[in-house]
Amino acid sequence: LHTGKQLDGIWHTSIIVHKDEFFYCSGGISSCAPGGTLLGPPDTVVDLGNTEVTEEIFLEYLSSLGESMFRGESYNLFERNCNTFTNEVAQFLTGRKIPSYITDLPAEVLATPFGQALRPFLDSIQIQPPGGNTFSRHNGQS
């Protein structure tokens, strides 16, 4: 397939915080042990630094995201995807964004005639990497 543009990859991102990996897909916010989905270990790791946010505050924050911006039915490959989620969480935790070559990709694809032609099909795609557990604030708690 030719977009008229060199694409190095279609990136799926997640974020590792407090010893778990968190990501967003069409099933909502999910978590797993680092590298625990069937996608396996990442091709690239970007160190965004340390956070002062406690695990409890982070989990409350995730819970509120899962009930608002990042519900499963809100997933959209171009506008609200795994990378949008990772970028949002990274800024909350560290004040830093994820690399722009990842977040700019959807707009770059849509700027091509090929991307525009495929948009109706691509909009219908739901992505759910197998191996994660749907995040719930009360997982394992009674």
Protein backbone atom coordinates (compact mmCIF):
# COMPACT_ATOMS: atom_id res chain seq x y z
CA LEU A 1 0.00 0.00 0.00
CA HIS A 2 1.35 3.38 -0.95
CA THR A 3 0.54 6.53 1.02
CA GLY A 4 3.09 8.68 -0.77
CA LYS A 5 4.90 8.94 2.57
CA GLN A 6 7.41 6.77 4.40
CA LEU A 7 5.90 5.37 7.60
CA ASP A 8 8.28 3.71 10.04
CA GLY A 9 5.45 2.09 11.95
CA ILE A 10 1.92 2.34 13.23
CA TRP A 11 2.69 2.70 16.90
CA HIS A 12 0.91 1.09 19.83
CA THR A 13 2.07 2.65 23.08
CA SER A 14 1.52 1.91 26.74
CA ILE A 15 2.98 3.32 29.94
CA ILE A 16 4.64 1.48 32.82
CA VAL A 17 3.88 3.04 36.20
CA HIS A 18 4.25 1.56 39.69
CA LYS A 19 5.29 -1.84 38.25
CA ASP A 20 2.31 -2.32 35.91
CA GLU A 21 1.78 -1.57 32.24
CA PHE A 22 -1.32 0.46 31.33
CA PHE A 23 -2.80 1.00 27.87
CA TYR A 24 -6.03 2.05 26.18
CA CYS A 25 -7.89 0.15 23.50
CA SER A 26 -11.45 -0.49 22.35
CA GLY A 27 -12.07 -2.38 25.61
CA GLY A 28 -11.18 0.68 27.70
CA ILE A 29 -8.16 1.15 29.95
CA SER A 30 -6.32 -2.12 30.56
CA SER A 31 -3.34 -3.22 32.61
CA CYS A 32 -0.91 -6.13 32.65
CA ALA A 33 2.54 -7.04 33.88
CA PRO A 34 5.17 -5.17 31.80
CA GLY A 35 5.36 -6.80 28.35
CA GLY A 36 2.41 -9.00 29.33
CA THR A 37 0.20 -8.68 26.27
CA LEU A 38 0.54 -10.96 23.25
CA LEU A 39 2.34 -8.07 21.55
CA GLY A 40 5.28 -9.06 23.78
CA PRO A 41 8.20 -6.82 24.73
CA PRO A 42 8.27 -3.36 23.14
CA ASP A 43 10.38 -2.46 20.11
CA THR A 44 11.35 0.81 21.78
CA VAL A 45 11.30 2.12 25.35
CA VAL A 46 11.24 5.87 26.05
CA ASP A 47 12.18 6.85 29.60
CA LEU A 48 9.90 9.72 30.60
CA GLY A 49 11.49 10.09 34.02
CA ASN A 50 10.16 9.65 37.53
CA THR A 51 6.87 10.71 39.05
CA GLU A 52 5.95 12.12 42.42
CA VAL A 53 2.37 10.89 41.94
CA THR A 54 1.54 8.13 44.44
CA GLU A 55 0.05 4.85 43.27
CA GLU A 56 -3.23 5.63 45.03
CA ILE A 57 -3.61 9.03 43.35
CA PHE A 58 -2.59 7.52 40.00
CA LEU A 59 -5.24 4.79 40.26
CA GLU A 60 -7.91 7.34 41.17
CA TYR A 61 -6.84 9.42 38.16
CA LEU A 62 -7.01 6.36 35.87
CA SER A 63 -10.44 5.52 37.21
CA SER A 64 -11.71 9.01 36.39
CA LEU A 65 -10.19 8.79 32.88
CA GLY A 66 -11.88 5.43 32.36
CA GLU A 67 -15.24 6.96 33.24
CA SER A 68 -14.81 10.07 31.09
CA MET A 69 -12.38 10.58 28.18
CA PHE A 70 -11.16 7.01 27.83
CA ARG A 71 -14.23 4.78 27.97
CA GLY A 72 -14.04 1.78 25.63
CA GLU A 73 -16.75 3.16 23.34
CA SER A 74 -14.79 6.44 23.00
CA TYR A 75 -11.91 4.64 21.23
CA ASN A 76 -11.12 5.99 17.77
CA LEU A 77 -8.07 5.03 15.76
CA PHE A 78 -7.38 8.65 14.75
CA GLU A 79 -8.67 10.85 17.54
CA ARG A 80 -8.65 8.90 20.81
CA ASN A 81 -6.32 5.92 20.76
CA CYS A 82 -3.58 4.21 22.77
CA ASN A 83 -1.14 7.02 21.97
CA THR A 84 -3.58 9.77 23.01
CA PHE A 85 -3.98 7.93 26.32
CA THR A 86 -0.25 7.37 26.89
CA ASN A 87 0.45 11.03 26.10
CA GLU A 88 -2.24 12.23 28.52
CA VAL A 89 -1.01 9.98 31.35
CA ALA A 90 2.65 10.85 30.74
CA GLN A 91 1.88 14.55 31.10
CA PHE A 92 -0.09 13.95 34.29
CA LEU A 93 2.75 11.92 35.81
CA THR A 94 5.84 13.77 34.60
CA GLY A 95 4.82 16.91 32.70
CA ARG A 96 6.44 15.37 29.61
CA LYS A 97 4.80 14.29 26.36
CA ILE A 98 5.52 11.14 24.40
CA PRO A 99 7.53 11.66 21.16
CA SER A 100 5.72 13.73 18.52
CA TYR A 101 6.57 11.26 15.73
CA ILE A 102 4.07 8.95 17.46
CA THR A 103 1.30 11.45 18.24
CA ASP A 104 1.55 13.20 14.83
CA LEU A 105 1.15 9.99 12.82
CA PRO A 106 -2.68 9.90 12.52
CA ALA A 107 -2.78 13.46 11.15
CA GLU A 108 0.04 12.64 8.72
CA VAL A 109 -1.84 9.58 7.43
CA LEU A 110 -5.09 11.54 7.07
CA ALA A 111 -3.25 14.27 5.14
CA THR A 112 -2.65 11.80 2.30
CA PRO A 113 -5.26 10.93 -0.36
CA PHE A 114 -4.78 7.27 0.58
CA GLY A 115 -5.51 8.01 4.24
CA GLN A 116 -8.64 9.99 3.31
CA ALA A 117 -9.87 7.19 1.05
CA LEU A 118 -9.35 4.60 3.78
CA ARG A 119 -10.74 6.70 6.63
CA PRO A 120 -14.27 5.16 6.71
CA PHE A 121 -12.72 1.69 6.99
CA LEU A 122 -10.03 2.74 9.49
CA ASP A 123 -12.59 4.54 11.69
CA SER A 124 -14.38 1.23 12.21
CA ILE A 125 -11.28 -0.63 13.44
CA GLN A 126 -11.32 -1.65 17.09
CA ILE A 127 -7.94 -2.55 18.59
CA GLN A 128 -7.63 -4.72 21.68
CA PRO A 129 -4.22 -6.34 22.31
CA PRO A 130 -4.86 -9.75 23.94
CA GLY A 131 -3.42 -10.36 27.40
CA GLY A 132 -4.48 -7.25 29.30
CA ASN A 133 -7.03 -6.97 32.09
CA THR A 134 -9.65 -4.23 31.88
CA PHE A 135 -8.67 -1.71 34.51
CA SER A 136 -11.00 -1.24 37.47
CA ARG A 137 -10.21 0.83 40.54
CA HIS A 138 -11.43 -2.03 42.70
CA ASN A 139 -9.54 -4.91 41.04
CA GLY A 140 -8.76 -7.43 43.78
CA GLN A 141 -10.22 -5.22 46.49
CA SER A 142 -13.37 -5.99 48.42
